[in-house]
Amino acid sequence: MRKSTTVKIVRLVKRRADLTLAEFKDYWLTRHAPHERRAIETTSLQKVVASFVLPDDHKDPEFDGVAELYFSSLEEIRTMFAGPVPAMMREDEENFVQMDAPAVRLVAEEYVIGEKGRTA
């Protein structure tokens, strides 16, 4: 078990109604990802994890993806959000995200159990 000091922004993401799940995923991974890479290079953002809901033939999902933005501290989050990067990212998100349905939470990753294949 590894003690962790990671602070994350976790956001449930719903795609724009005019996009298929495949179009939403493609846009995020090919057109939006460079903005995320730039944010990692120029701010305290450490890592972004994008996860996508698996298709279910029985019902539409409440959300289509999950974005996790990793930081070392709350202060790093505050610093980044005081700069220009979040506005730039939000502007691009309008191209593929349903902006009136954000579900954002700040969470602290308390510990991680079993990271197979990783070394400390």
PDB file of N, CA and C in Angstrom:
ATOM      1  N   MET A   1       0.842  -1.183   0.000  1.00  0.00           N
ATOM      2  CA  MET A   1       0.000   0.000   0.000  1.00  0.00           C
ATOM      3  C   MET A   1       0.886   1.244   0.000  1.00  0.00           C
ATOM      4  N   ARG A   2       0.540   2.213  -0.852  1.00  0.00           N
ATOM      5  CA  ARG A   2       1.287   3.451  -0.975  1.00  0.00           C
ATOM      6  C   ARG A   2       0.420   4.595  -0.481  1.00  0.00           C
ATOM      7  N   LYS A   3       0.956   5.396   0.433  1.00  0.00           N
ATOM      8  CA  LYS A   3       0.264   6.605   0.870  1.00  0.00           C
ATOM      9  C   LYS A   3       0.338   7.612  -0.269  1.00  0.00           C
ATOM     10  N   SER A   4      -0.739   8.337  -0.506  1.00  0.00           N
ATOM     11  CA  SER A   4      -0.783   9.266  -1.615  1.00  0.00           C
ATOM     12  C   SER A   4      -1.193  10.650  -1.144  1.00  0.00           C
ATOM     13  N   THR A   5      -0.649  11.666  -1.781  1.00  0.00           N
ATOM     14  CA  THR A   5      -1.035  13.042  -1.480  1.00  0.00           C
ATOM     15  C   THR A   5      -1.699  13.682  -2.699  1.00  0.00           C
ATOM     16  N   THR A   6      -2.157  12.882  -3.606  1.00  0.00           N
ATOM     17  CA  THR A   6      -2.740  13.385  -4.834  1.00  0.00           C
ATOM     18  C   THR A   6      -4.102  14.020  -4.591  1.00  0.00           C
ATOM     19  N   VAL A   7      -4.312  15.158  -5.211  1.00  0.00           N
ATOM     20  CA  VAL A   7      -5.603  15.827  -5.218  1.00  0.00           C
ATOM     21  C   VAL A   7      -6.064  15.821  -6.672  1.00  0.00           C
ATOM     22  N   LYS A   8      -7.337  15.485  -6.883  1.00  0.00           N
ATOM     23  CA  LYS A   8      -7.837  15.374  -8.247  1.00  0.00           C
ATOM     24  C   LYS A   8      -9.116  16.172  -8.425  1.00  0.00           C
ATOM     25  N   ILE A   9      -9.290  16.617  -9.641  1.00  0.00           N
ATOM     26  CA  ILE A   9     -10.586  17.090 -10.086  1.00  0.00           C
ATOM     27  C   ILE A   9     -11.175  15.927 -10.872  1.00  0.00           C
ATOM     28  N   VAL A  10     -12.355  15.495 -10.487  1.00  0.00           N
ATOM     29  CA  VAL A  10     -13.043  14.409 -11.191  1.00  0.00           C
ATOM     30  C   VAL A  10     -14.303  15.004 -11.799  1.00  0.00           C
ATOM     31  N   ARG A  11     -14.443  14.816 -13.087  1.00  0.00           N
ATOM     32  CA  ARG A  11     -15.584  15.391 -13.795  1.00  0.00           C
ATOM     33  C   ARG A  11     -16.282  14.331 -14.627  1.00  0.00           C
ATOM     34  N   LEU A  12     -17.578  14.181 -14.409  1.00  0.00           N
ATOM     35  CA  LEU A  12     -18.392  13.331 -15.262  1.00  0.00           C
ATOM     36  C   LEU A  12     -18.757  14.165 -16.479  1.00  0.00           C
ATOM     37  N   VAL A  13     -18.514  13.624 -17.659  1.00  0.00           N
ATOM     38  CA  VAL A  13     -18.667  14.389 -18.891  1.00  0.00           C
ATOM     39  C   VAL A  13     -19.762  13.771 -19.756  1.00  0.00           C
ATOM     40  N   LYS A  14     -20.687  14.601 -20.185  1.00  0.00           N
ATOM     41  CA  LYS A  14     -21.751  14.187 -21.102  1.00  0.00           C
ATOM     42  C   LYS A  14     -21.438  14.799 -22.469  1.00  0.00           C
ATOM     43  N   ARG A  15     -21.542  13.990 -23.504  1.00  0.00           N
ATOM     44  CA  ARG A  15     -21.247  14.483 -24.855  1.00  0.00           C
ATOM     45  C   ARG A  15     -22.372  15.399 -25.345  1.00  0.00           C
ATOM     46  N   ARG A  16     -22.029  16.258 -26.296  1.00  0.00           N
ATOM     47  CA  ARG A  16     -23.049  17.074 -26.941  1.00  0.00           C
ATOM     48  C   ARG A  16     -24.064  16.163 -27.610  1.00  0.00           C
ATOM     49  N   ALA A  17     -25.309  16.550 -27.602  1.00  0.00           N
ATOM     50  CA  ALA A  17     -26.395  15.710 -28.103  1.00  0.00           C
ATOM     51  C   ALA A  17     -26.267  15.383 -29.586  1.00  0.00           C
ATOM     52  N   ASP A  18     -25.585  16.225 -30.349  1.00  0.00           N
ATOM     53  CA  ASP A  18     -25.452  15.988 -31.785  1.00  0.00           C
ATOM     54  C   ASP A  18     -24.287  15.076 -32.150  1.00  0.00           C
ATOM     55  N   LEU A  19     -23.576  14.558 -31.166  1.00  0.00           N
ATOM     56  CA  LEU A  19     -22.420  13.692 -31.415  1.00  0.00           C
ATOM     57  C   LEU A  19     -22.718  12.253 -31.005  1.00  0.00           C
ATOM     58  N   THR A  20     -22.206  11.321 -31.789  1.00  0.00           N
ATOM     59  CA  THR A  20     -22.255   9.925 -31.369  1.00  0.00           C
ATOM     60  C   THR A  20     -21.174   9.721 -30.313  1.00  0.00           C
ATOM     61  N   LEU A  21     -21.240   8.602 -29.628  1.00  0.00           N
ATOM     62  CA  LEU A  21     -20.196   8.294 -28.648  1.00  0.00           C
ATOM     63  C   LEU A  21     -18.835   8.198 -29.333  1.00  0.00           C
ATOM     64  N   ALA A  22     -18.793   7.608 -30.519  1.00  0.00           N
ATOM     65  CA  ALA A  22     -17.530   7.485 -31.264  1.00  0.00           C
ATOM     66  C   ALA A  22     -16.983   8.859 -31.650  1.00  0.00           C
ATOM     67  N   GLU A  23     -17.840   9.766 -32.085  1.00  0.00           N
ATOM     68  CA  GLU A  23     -17.397  11.116 -32.457  1.00  0.00           C
ATOM     69  C   GLU A  23     -16.892  11.873 -31.237  1.00  0.00           C
ATOM     70  N   PHE A  24     -17.616  11.733 -30.124  1.00  0.00           N
ATOM     71  CA  PHE A  24     -17.223  12.363 -28.858  1.00  0.00           C
ATOM     72  C   PHE A  24     -15.840  11.887 -28.426  1.00  0.00           C
ATOM     73  N   LYS A  25     -15.649  10.582 -28.420  1.00  0.00           N
ATOM     74  CA  LYS A  25     -14.373   9.997 -28.004  1.00  0.00           C
ATOM     75  C   LYS A  25     -13.254  10.420 -28.952  1.00  0.00           C
ATOM     76  N   ASP A  26     -13.511  10.383 -30.250  1.00  0.00           N
ATOM     77  CA  ASP A  26     -12.502  10.773 -31.231  1.00  0.00           C
ATOM     78  C   ASP A  26     -12.088  12.231 -31.040  1.00  0.00           C
ATOM     79  N   TYR A  27     -13.054  13.118 -30.842  1.00  0.00           N
ATOM     80  CA  TYR A  27     -12.720  14.529 -30.656  1.00  0.00           C
ATOM     81  C   TYR A  27     -11.856  14.703 -29.410  1.00  0.00           C
ATOM     82  N   TRP A  28     -12.263  14.073 -28.317  1.00  0.00           N
ATOM     83  CA  TRP A  28     -11.527  14.217 -27.067  1.00  0.00           C
ATOM     84  C   TRP A  28     -10.086  13.739 -27.243  1.00  0.00           C
ATOM     85  N   LEU A  29      -9.916  12.576 -27.853  1.00  0.00           N
ATOM     86  CA  LEU A  29      -8.577  11.980 -27.938  1.00  0.00           C
ATOM     87  C   LEU A  29      -7.693  12.586 -29.019  1.00  0.00           C
ATOM     88  N   THR A  30      -8.282  13.163 -30.054  1.00  0.00           N
ATOM     89  CA  THR A  30      -7.441  13.685 -31.140  1.00  0.00           C
ATOM     90  C   THR A  30      -7.362  15.208 -31.171  1.00  0.00           C
ATOM     91  N   ARG A  31      -8.443  15.901 -30.809  1.00  0.00           N
ATOM     92  CA  ARG A  31      -8.447  17.359 -30.928  1.00  0.00           C
ATOM     93  C   ARG A  31      -8.334  18.066 -29.584  1.00  0.00           C
ATOM     94  N   HIS A  32      -8.910  17.484 -28.527  1.00  0.00           N
ATOM     95  CA  HIS A  32      -8.843  18.119 -27.210  1.00  0.00           C
ATOM     96  C   HIS A  32      -7.580  17.721 -26.446  1.00  0.00           C
ATOM     97  N   ALA A  33      -7.104  16.526 -26.653  1.00  0.00           N
ATOM     98  CA  ALA A  33      -5.922  16.041 -25.924  1.00  0.00           C
ATOM     99  C   ALA A  33      -4.714  16.971 -26.056  1.00  0.00           C
ATOM    100  N   PRO A  34      -4.443  17.585 -27.218  1.00  0.00           N
ATOM    101  CA  PRO A  34      -3.309  18.520 -27.273  1.00  0.00           C
ATOM    102  C   PRO A  34      -3.442  19.692 -26.294  1.00  0.00           C
ATOM    103  N   HIS A  35      -4.661  20.138 -26.025  1.00  0.00           N
ATOM    104  CA  HIS A  35      -4.869  21.196 -25.030  1.00  0.00           C
ATOM    105  C   HIS A  35      -4.502  20.679 -23.641  1.00  0.00           C
ATOM    106  N   GLU A  36      -4.866  19.435 -23.367  1.00  0.00           N
ATOM    107  CA  GLU A  36      -4.523  18.844 -22.069  1.00  0.00           C
ATOM    108  C   GLU A  36      -3.008  18.683 -21.941  1.00  0.00           C
ATOM    109  N   ARG A  37      -2.358  18.252 -23.025  1.00  0.00           N
ATOM    110  CA  ARG A  37      -0.889  18.131 -22.997  1.00  0.00           C
ATOM    111  C   ARG A  37      -0.230  19.487 -22.736  1.00  0.00           C
ATOM    112  N   ARG A  38      -0.747  20.521 -23.393  1.00  0.00           N
ATOM    113  CA  ARG A  38      -0.211  21.873 -23.197  1.00  0.00           C
ATOM    114  C   ARG A  38      -0.407  22.309 -21.749  1.00  0.00           C
ATOM    115  N   ALA A  39      -1.544  21.984 -21.160  1.00  0.00           N
ATOM    116  CA  ALA A  39      -1.788  22.334 -19.759  1.00  0.00           C
ATOM    117  C   ALA A  39      -0.792  21.628 -18.845  1.00  0.00           C
ATOM    118  N   ILE A  40      -0.476  20.384 -19.130  1.00  0.00           N
ATOM    119  CA  ILE A  40       0.514  19.658 -18.331  1.00  0.00           C
ATOM    120  C   ILE A  40       1.888  20.301 -18.468  1.00  0.00           C
ATOM    121  N   GLU A  41       2.224  20.739 -19.663  1.00  0.00           N
ATOM    122  CA  GLU A  41       3.536  21.346 -19.908  1.00  0.00           C
ATOM    123  C   GLU A  41       3.673  22.732 -19.292  1.00  0.00           C
ATOM    124  N   THR A  42       2.575  23.465 -19.138  1.00  0.00           N
ATOM    125  CA  THR A  42       2.672  24.877 -18.749  1.00  0.00           C
ATOM    126  C   THR A  42       2.079  25.207 -17.385  1.00  0.00           C
ATOM    127  N   THR A  43       1.472  24.230 -16.720  1.00  0.00           N
ATOM    128  CA  THR A  43       0.879  24.486 -15.408  1.00  0.00           C
ATOM    129  C   THR A  43       1.299  23.390 -14.429  1.00  0.00           C
ATOM    130  N   SER A  44       0.715  23.431 -13.253  1.00  0.00           N
ATOM    131  CA  SER A  44       1.003  22.420 -12.224  1.00  0.00           C
ATOM    132  C   SER A  44       0.208  21.133 -12.429  1.00  0.00           C
ATOM    133  N   LEU A  45      -0.633  21.079 -13.444  1.00  0.00           N
ATOM    134  CA  LEU A  45      -1.368  19.855 -13.756  1.00  0.00           C
ATOM    135  C   LEU A  45      -0.359  18.745 -14.045  1.00  0.00           C
ATOM    136  N   GLN A  46      -0.500  17.621 -13.339  1.00  0.00           N
ATOM    137  CA  GLN A  46       0.459  16.527 -13.458  1.00  0.00           C
ATOM    138  C   GLN A  46       0.060  15.475 -14.476  1.00  0.00           C
ATOM    139  N   LYS A  47      -1.234  15.181 -14.531  1.00  0.00           N
ATOM    140  CA  LYS A  47      -1.691  14.068 -15.366  1.00  0.00           C
ATOM    141  C   LYS A  47      -3.178  14.225 -15.622  1.00  0.00           C
ATOM    142  N   VAL A  48      -3.605  13.759 -16.788  1.00  0.00           N
ATOM    143  CA  VAL A  48      -5.027  13.702 -17.122  1.00  0.00           C
ATOM    144  C   VAL A  48      -5.348  12.263 -17.499  1.00  0.00           C
ATOM    145  N   VAL A  49      -6.417  11.728 -16.925  1.00  0.00           N
ATOM    146  CA  VAL A  49      -6.906  10.404 -17.298  1.00  0.00           C
ATOM    147  C   VAL A  49      -8.305  10.582 -17.858  1.00  0.00           C
ATOM    148  N   ALA A  50      -8.508  10.111 -19.078  1.00  0.00           N
ATOM    149  CA  ALA A  50      -9.827  10.136 -19.708  1.00  0.00           C
ATOM    150  C   ALA A  50     -10.336   8.705 -19.768  1.00  0.00           C
ATOM    151  N   SER A  51     -11.514   8.486 -19.215  1.00  0.00           N
ATOM    152  CA  SER A  51     -12.148   7.167 -19.248  1.00  0.00           C
ATOM    153  C   SER A  51     -13.489   7.321 -19.948  1.00  0.00           C
ATOM    154  N   PHE A  52     -13.885   6.278 -20.674  1.00  0.00           N
ATOM    155  CA  PHE A  52     -15.115   6.340 -21.451  1.00  0.00           C
ATOM    156  C   PHE A  52     -16.067   5.222 -21.048  1.00  0.00           C
ATOM    157  N   VAL A  53     -17.349   5.559 -21.002  1.00  0.00           N
ATOM    158  CA  VAL A  53     -18.386   4.598 -20.658  1.00  0.00           C
ATOM    159  C   VAL A  53     -18.468   3.552 -21.763  1.00  0.00           C
ATOM    160  N   LEU A  54     -18.573   2.314 -21.371  1.00  0.00           N
ATOM    161  CA  LEU A  54     -18.747   1.243 -22.354  1.00  0.00           C
ATOM    162  C   LEU A  54     -20.200   1.223 -22.817  1.00  0.00           C
ATOM    163  N   PRO A  55     -20.443   0.946 -24.080  1.00  0.00           N
ATOM    164  CA  PRO A  55     -21.813   0.938 -24.587  1.00  0.00           C
ATOM    165  C   PRO A  55     -22.681  -0.080 -23.858  1.00  0.00           C
ATOM    166  N   ASP A  56     -23.939   0.312 -23.675  1.00  0.00           N
ATOM    167  CA  ASP A  56     -24.935  -0.569 -23.060  1.00  0.00           C
ATOM    168  C   ASP A  56     -26.164  -0.517 -23.957  1.00  0.00           C
ATOM    169  N   ASP A  57     -26.539  -1.636 -24.528  1.00  0.00           N
ATOM    170  CA  ASP A  57     -27.659  -1.679 -25.460  1.00  0.00           C
ATOM    171  C   ASP A  57     -29.002  -1.405 -24.796  1.00  0.00           C
ATOM    172  N   HIS A  58     -29.050  -1.448 -23.490  1.00  0.00           N
ATOM    173  CA  HIS A  58     -30.326  -1.364 -22.781  1.00  0.00           C
ATOM    174  C   HIS A  58     -30.723   0.052 -22.375  1.00  0.00           C
ATOM    175  N   LYS A  59     -29.734   0.963 -22.250  1.00  0.00           N
ATOM    176  CA  LYS A  59     -30.084   2.327 -21.844  1.00  0.00           C
ATOM    177  C   LYS A  59     -28.951   3.289 -22.189  1.00  0.00           C
ATOM    178  N   ASP A  60     -29.313   4.556 -22.304  1.00  0.00           N
ATOM    179  CA  ASP A  60     -28.314   5.595 -22.516  1.00  0.00           C
ATOM    180  C   ASP A  60     -27.632   5.887 -21.187  1.00  0.00           C
ATOM    181  N   PRO A  61     -26.324   6.064 -21.202  1.00  0.00           N
ATOM    182  CA  PRO A  61     -25.627   6.359 -19.943  1.00  0.00           C
ATOM    183  C   PRO A  61     -25.930   7.776 -19.464  1.00  0.00           C
ATOM    184  N   GLU A  62     -25.827   7.976 -18.171  1.00  0.00           N
ATOM    185  CA  GLU A  62     -26.025   9.314 -17.600  1.00  0.00           C
ATOM    186  C   GLU A  62     -24.863  10.234 -17.958  1.00  0.00           C
ATOM    187  N   PHE A  63     -23.706   9.655 -18.231  1.00  0.00           N
ATOM    188  CA  PHE A  63     -22.543  10.411 -18.672  1.00  0.00           C
ATOM    189  C   PHE A  63     -21.767   9.523 -19.635  1.00  0.00           C
ATOM    190  N   ASP A  64     -20.907  10.128 -20.417  1.00  0.00           N
ATOM    191  CA  ASP A  64     -20.184   9.394 -21.457  1.00  0.00           C
ATOM    192  C   ASP A  64     -18.704   9.220 -21.164  1.00  0.00           C
ATOM    193  N   GLY A  65     -18.191  10.019 -20.270  1.00  0.00           N
ATOM    194  CA  GLY A  65     -16.778   9.920 -19.940  1.00  0.00           C
ATOM    195  C   GLY A  65     -16.497  10.498 -18.570  1.00  0.00           C
ATOM    196  N   VAL A  66     -15.296  10.226 -18.105  1.00  0.00           N
ATOM    197  CA  VAL A  66     -14.828  10.764 -16.837  1.00  0.00           C
ATOM    198  C   VAL A  66     -13.447  11.363 -17.082  1.00  0.00           C
ATOM    199  N   ALA A  67     -13.275  12.600 -16.658  1.00  0.00           N
ATOM    200  CA  ALA A  67     -11.968  13.249 -16.730  1.00  0.00           C
ATOM    201  C   ALA A  67     -11.423  13.364 -15.317  1.00  0.00           C
ATOM    202  N   GLU A  68     -10.174  12.935 -15.150  1.00  0.00           N
ATOM    203  CA  GLU A  68      -9.495  13.079 -13.865  1.00  0.00           C
ATOM    204  C   GLU A  68      -8.255  13.930 -14.100  1.00  0.00           C
ATOM    205  N   LEU A  69      -8.161  15.055 -13.387  1.00  0.00           N
ATOM    206  CA  LEU A  69      -7.021  15.950 -13.484  1.00  0.00           C
ATOM    207  C   LEU A  69      -6.258  15.881 -12.170  1.00  0.00           C
ATOM    208  N   TYR A  70      -4.999  15.520 -12.227  1.00  0.00           N
ATOM    209  CA  TYR A  70      -4.192  15.250 -11.037  1.00  0.00           C
ATOM    210  C   TYR A  70      -3.285  16.429 -10.685  1.00  0.00           C
ATOM    211  N   PHE A  71      -3.249  16.743  -9.387  1.00  0.00           N
ATOM    212  CA  PHE A  71      -2.399  17.804  -8.850  1.00  0.00           C
ATOM    213  C   PHE A  71      -1.772  17.319  -7.538  1.00  0.00           C
ATOM    214  N   SER A  72      -0.752  18.035  -7.079  1.00  0.00           N
ATOM    215  CA  SER A  72      -0.123  17.692  -5.798  1.00  0.00           C
ATOM    216  C   SER A  72      -0.813  18.345  -4.612  1.00  0.00           C
ATOM    217  N   SER A  73      -1.533  19.468  -4.847  1.00  0.00           N
ATOM    218  CA  SER A  73      -2.148  20.179  -3.730  1.00  0.00           C
ATOM    219  C   SER A  73      -3.320  21.031  -4.218  1.00  0.00           C
ATOM    220  N   LEU A  74      -4.144  21.435  -3.282  1.00  0.00           N
ATOM    221  CA  LEU A  74      -5.241  22.356  -3.602  1.00  0.00           C
ATOM    222  C   LEU A  74      -4.694  23.692  -4.086  1.00  0.00           C
ATOM    223  N   GLU A  75      -3.581  24.112  -3.531  1.00  0.00           N
ATOM    224  CA  GLU A  75      -2.967  25.369  -3.958  1.00  0.00           C
ATOM    225  C   GLU A  75      -2.590  25.323  -5.440  1.00  0.00           C
ATOM    226  N   GLU A  76      -2.102  24.179  -5.909  1.00  0.00           N
ATOM    227  CA  GLU A  76      -1.779  24.047  -7.326  1.00  0.00           C
ATOM    228  C   GLU A  76      -3.023  24.172  -8.198  1.00  0.00           C
ATOM    229  N   ILE A  77      -4.141  23.635  -7.722  1.00  0.00           N
ATOM    230  CA  ILE A  77      -5.403  23.766  -8.462  1.00  0.00           C
ATOM    231  C   ILE A  77      -5.803  25.239  -8.523  1.00  0.00           C
ATOM    232  N   ARG A  78      -5.754  25.910  -7.399  1.00  0.00           N
ATOM    233  CA  ARG A  78      -6.116  27.338  -7.358  1.00  0.00           C
ATOM    234  C   ARG A  78      -5.235  28.154  -8.295  1.00  0.00           C
ATOM    235  N   THR A  79      -3.940  27.877  -8.289  1.00  0.00           N
ATOM    236  CA  THR A  79      -3.008  28.604  -9.147  1.00  0.00           C
ATOM    237  C   THR A  79      -3.336  28.386 -10.611  1.00  0.00           C
ATOM    238  N   MET A  80      -3.577  27.150 -10.998  1.00  0.00           N
ATOM    239  CA  MET A  80      -3.886  26.882 -12.397  1.00  0.00           C
ATOM    240  C   MET A  80      -5.172  27.581 -12.809  1.00  0.00           C
ATOM    241  N   PHE A  81      -6.209  27.518 -11.960  1.00  0.00           N
ATOM    242  CA  PHE A  81      -7.488  28.116 -12.327  1.00  0.00           C
ATOM    243  C   PHE A  81      -7.463  29.640 -12.296  1.00  0.00           C
ATOM    244  N   ALA A  82      -6.423  30.228 -11.737  1.00  0.00           N
ATOM    245  CA  ALA A  82      -6.267  31.682 -11.771  1.00  0.00           C
ATOM    246  C   ALA A  82      -5.636  32.137 -13.089  1.00  0.00           C
ATOM    247  N   GLY A  83      -5.119  31.205 -13.871  1.00  0.00           N
ATOM    248  CA  GLY A  83      -4.465  31.531 -15.134  1.00  0.00           C
ATOM    249  C   GLY A  83      -5.384  31.348 -16.332  1.00  0.00           C
ATOM    250  N   PRO A  84      -4.830  31.466 -17.544  1.00  0.00           N
ATOM    251  CA  PRO A  84      -5.628  31.428 -18.771  1.00  0.00           C
ATOM    252  C   PRO A  84      -5.992  30.026 -19.273  1.00  0.00           C
ATOM    253  N   VAL A  85      -5.339  28.988 -18.791  1.00  0.00           N
ATOM    254  CA  VAL A  85      -5.528  27.647 -19.340  1.00  0.00           C
ATOM    255  C   VAL A  85      -6.966  27.128 -19.191  1.00  0.00           C
ATOM    256  N   PRO A  86      -7.597  27.233 -18.030  1.00  0.00           N
ATOM    257  CA  PRO A  86      -8.954  26.699 -17.911  1.00  0.00           C
ATOM    258  C   PRO A  86      -9.936  27.311 -18.913  1.00  0.00           C
ATOM    259  N   ALA A  87      -9.849  28.610 -19.167  1.00  0.00           N
ATOM    260  CA  ALA A  87     -10.749  29.246 -20.136  1.00  0.00           C
ATOM    261  C   ALA A  87     -10.510  28.690 -21.532  1.00  0.00           C
ATOM    262  N   MET A  88      -9.256  28.477 -21.888  1.00  0.00           N
ATOM    263  CA  MET A  88      -8.921  27.917 -23.192  1.00  0.00           C
ATOM    264  C   MET A  88      -9.478  26.500 -23.323  1.00  0.00           C
ATOM    265  N   MET A  89      -9.365  25.725 -22.268  1.00  0.00           N
ATOM    266  CA  MET A  89      -9.865  24.348 -22.304  1.00  0.00           C
ATOM    267  C   MET A  89     -11.387  24.331 -22.376  1.00  0.00           C
ATOM    268  N   ARG A  90     -12.040  25.187 -21.589  1.00  0.00           N
ATOM    269  CA  ARG A  90     -13.508  25.250 -21.623  1.00  0.00           C
ATOM    270  C   ARG A  90     -14.011  25.656 -23.008  1.00  0.00           C
ATOM    271  N   GLU A  91     -13.325  26.577 -23.633  1.00  0.00           N
ATOM    272  CA  GLU A  91     -13.732  27.004 -24.978  1.00  0.00           C
ATOM    273  C   GLU A  91     -13.713  25.825 -25.950  1.00  0.00           C
ATOM    274  N   ASP A  92     -12.674  24.993 -25.872  1.00  0.00           N
ATOM    275  CA  ASP A  92     -12.620  23.832 -26.752  1.00  0.00           C
ATOM    276  C   ASP A  92     -13.644  22.776 -26.348  1.00  0.00           C
ATOM    277  N   GLU A  93     -13.903  22.640 -25.071  1.00  0.00           N
ATOM    278  CA  GLU A  93     -14.884  21.647 -24.612  1.00  0.00           C
ATOM    279  C   GLU A  93     -16.260  21.896 -25.207  1.00  0.00           C
ATOM    280  N   GLU A  94     -16.573  23.131 -25.526  1.00  0.00           N
ATOM    281  CA  GLU A  94     -17.867  23.443 -26.136  1.00  0.00           C
ATOM    282  C   GLU A  94     -18.060  22.696 -27.454  1.00  0.00           C
ATOM    283  N   ASN A  95     -16.977  22.244 -28.072  1.00  0.00           N
ATOM    284  CA  ASN A  95     -17.050  21.514 -29.337  1.00  0.00           C
ATOM    285  C   ASN A  95     -17.507  20.067 -29.182  1.00  0.00           C
ATOM    286  N   PHE A  96     -17.452  19.531 -27.946  1.00  0.00           N
ATOM    287  CA  PHE A  96     -17.809  18.118 -27.792  1.00  0.00           C
ATOM    288  C   PHE A  96     -18.501  17.776 -26.481  1.00  0.00           C
ATOM    289  N   VAL A  97     -18.583  18.701 -25.551  1.00  0.00           N
ATOM    290  CA  VAL A  97     -19.153  18.443 -24.230  1.00  0.00           C
ATOM    291  C   VAL A  97     -20.458  19.209 -24.051  1.00  0.00           C
ATOM    292  N   GLN A  98     -21.428  18.575 -23.422  1.00  0.00           N
ATOM    293  CA  GLN A  98     -22.670  19.247 -23.039  1.00  0.00           C
ATOM    294  C   GLN A  98     -22.336  20.106 -21.826  1.00  0.00           C
ATOM    295  N   MET A  99     -22.185  21.389 -22.040  1.00  0.00           N
ATOM    296  CA  MET A  99     -21.644  22.278 -21.017  1.00  0.00           C
ATOM    297  C   MET A  99     -22.612  22.568 -19.869  1.00  0.00           C
ATOM    298  N   ASP A 100     -23.908  22.354 -20.053  1.00  0.00           N
ATOM    299  CA  ASP A 100     -24.856  22.640 -18.984  1.00  0.00           C
ATOM    300  C   ASP A 100     -25.037  21.466 -18.025  1.00  0.00           C
ATOM    301  N   ALA A 101     -24.216  20.435 -18.165  1.00  0.00           N
ATOM    302  CA  ALA A 101     -24.363  19.275 -17.295  1.00  0.00           C
ATOM    303  C   ALA A 101     -23.043  18.861 -16.645  1.00  0.00           C
ATOM    304  N   PRO A 102     -22.272  19.837 -16.161  1.00  0.00           N
ATOM    305  CA  PRO A 102     -21.017  19.417 -15.527  1.00  0.00           C
ATOM    306  C   PRO A 102     -21.246  18.862 -14.127  1.00  0.00           C
ATOM    307  N   ALA A 103     -20.559  17.812 -13.820  1.00  0.00           N
ATOM    308  CA  ALA A 103     -20.558  17.257 -12.469  1.00  0.00           C
ATOM    309  C   ALA A 103     -19.091  17.175 -12.049  1.00  0.00           C
ATOM    310  N   VAL A 104     -18.628  18.170 -11.329  1.00  0.00           N
ATOM    311  CA  VAL A 104     -17.221  18.282 -10.973  1.00  0.00           C
ATOM    312  C   VAL A 104     -17.068  18.136  -9.468  1.00  0.00           C
ATOM    313  N   ARG A 105     -16.077  17.366  -9.078  1.00  0.00           N
ATOM    314  CA  ARG A 105     -15.794  17.180  -7.664  1.00  0.00           C
ATOM    315  C   ARG A 105     -14.288  17.234  -7.436  1.00  0.00           C
ATOM    316  N   LEU A 106     -13.891  17.838  -6.324  1.00  0.00           N
ATOM    317  CA  LEU A 106     -12.510  17.762  -5.865  1.00  0.00           C
ATOM    318  C   LEU A 106     -12.427  16.576  -4.932  1.00  0.00           C
ATOM    319  N   VAL A 107     -11.450  15.733  -5.149  1.00  0.00           N
ATOM    320  CA  VAL A 107     -11.273  14.571  -4.286  1.00  0.00           C
ATOM    321  C   VAL A 107      -9.806  14.442  -3.907  1.00  0.00           C
ATOM    322  N   ALA A 108      -9.563  13.828  -2.765  1.00  0.00           N
ATOM    323  CA  ALA A 108      -8.206  13.521  -2.321  1.00  0.00           C
ATOM    324  C   ALA A 108      -8.023  12.013  -2.404  1.00  0.00           C
ATOM    325  N   GLU A 109      -7.038  11.600  -3.140  1.00  0.00           N
ATOM    326  CA  GLU A 109      -6.725  10.172  -3.261  1.00  0.00           C
ATOM    327  C   GLU A 109      -5.950   9.783  -2.009  1.00  0.00           C
ATOM    328  N   GLU A 110      -6.592   9.066  -1.112  1.00  0.00           N
ATOM    329  CA  GLU A 110      -6.007   8.774   0.194  1.00  0.00           C
ATOM    330  C   GLU A 110      -4.962   7.663   0.156  1.00  0.00           C
ATOM    331  N   TYR A 111      -5.253   6.612  -0.567  1.00  0.00           N
ATOM    332  CA  TYR A 111      -4.270   5.536  -0.694  1.00  0.00           C
ATOM    333  C   TYR A 111      -4.604   4.697  -1.901  1.00  0.00           C
ATOM    334  N   VAL A 112      -3.597   3.979  -2.338  1.00  0.00           N
ATOM    335  CA  VAL A 112      -3.756   3.087  -3.472  1.00  0.00           C
ATOM    336  C   VAL A 112      -3.320   1.704  -3.014  1.00  0.00           C
ATOM    337  N   ILE A 113      -4.132   0.717  -3.264  1.00  0.00           N
ATOM    338  CA  ILE A 113      -3.800  -0.653  -2.913  1.00  0.00           C
ATOM    339  C   ILE A 113      -3.478  -1.398  -4.197  1.00  0.00           C
ATOM    340  N   GLY A 114      -2.329  -2.029  -4.249  1.00  0.00           N
ATOM    341  CA  GLY A 114      -1.981  -2.909  -5.358  1.00  0.00           C
ATOM    342  C   GLY A 114      -1.811  -2.232  -6.692  1.00  0.00           C
ATOM    343  N   GLU A 115      -0.631  -1.775  -6.967  1.00  0.00           N
ATOM    344  CA  GLU A 115      -0.309  -1.233  -8.277  1.00  0.00           C
ATOM    345  C   GLU A 115       0.618  -2.226  -8.978  1.00  0.00           C
ATOM    346  N   LYS A 116       0.042  -3.270  -9.504  1.00  0.00           N
ATOM    347  CA  LYS A 116       0.825  -4.313 -10.164  1.00  0.00           C
ATOM    348  C   LYS A 116       1.630  -3.727 -11.324  1.00  0.00           C
ATOM    349  N   GLY A 117       2.865  -4.158 -11.391  1.00  0.00           N
ATOM    350  CA  GLY A 117       3.712  -3.723 -12.482  1.00  0.00           C
ATOM    351  C   GLY A 117       4.356  -2.371 -12.280  1.00  0.00           C
ATOM    352  N   ARG A 118       4.047  -1.686 -11.201  1.00  0.00           N
ATOM    353  CA  ARG A 118       4.645  -0.376 -10.926  1.00  0.00           C
ATOM    354  C   ARG A 118       5.665  -0.488  -9.817  1.00  0.00           C
ATOM    355  N   THR A 119       6.711   0.287  -9.928  1.00  0.00           N
ATOM    356  CA  THR A 119       7.709   0.311  -8.866  1.00  0.00           C
ATOM    357  C   THR A 119       7.610   1.640  -8.135  1.00  0.00           C
ATOM    358  N   ALA A 120       7.960   1.632  -6.874  1.00  0.00           N
ATOM    359  CA  ALA A 120       7.855   2.837  -6.056  1.00  0.00           C
ATOM    360  C   ALA A 120       8.923   3.831  -6.381  1.00  0.00           C
TER     361      ALA A 120
END
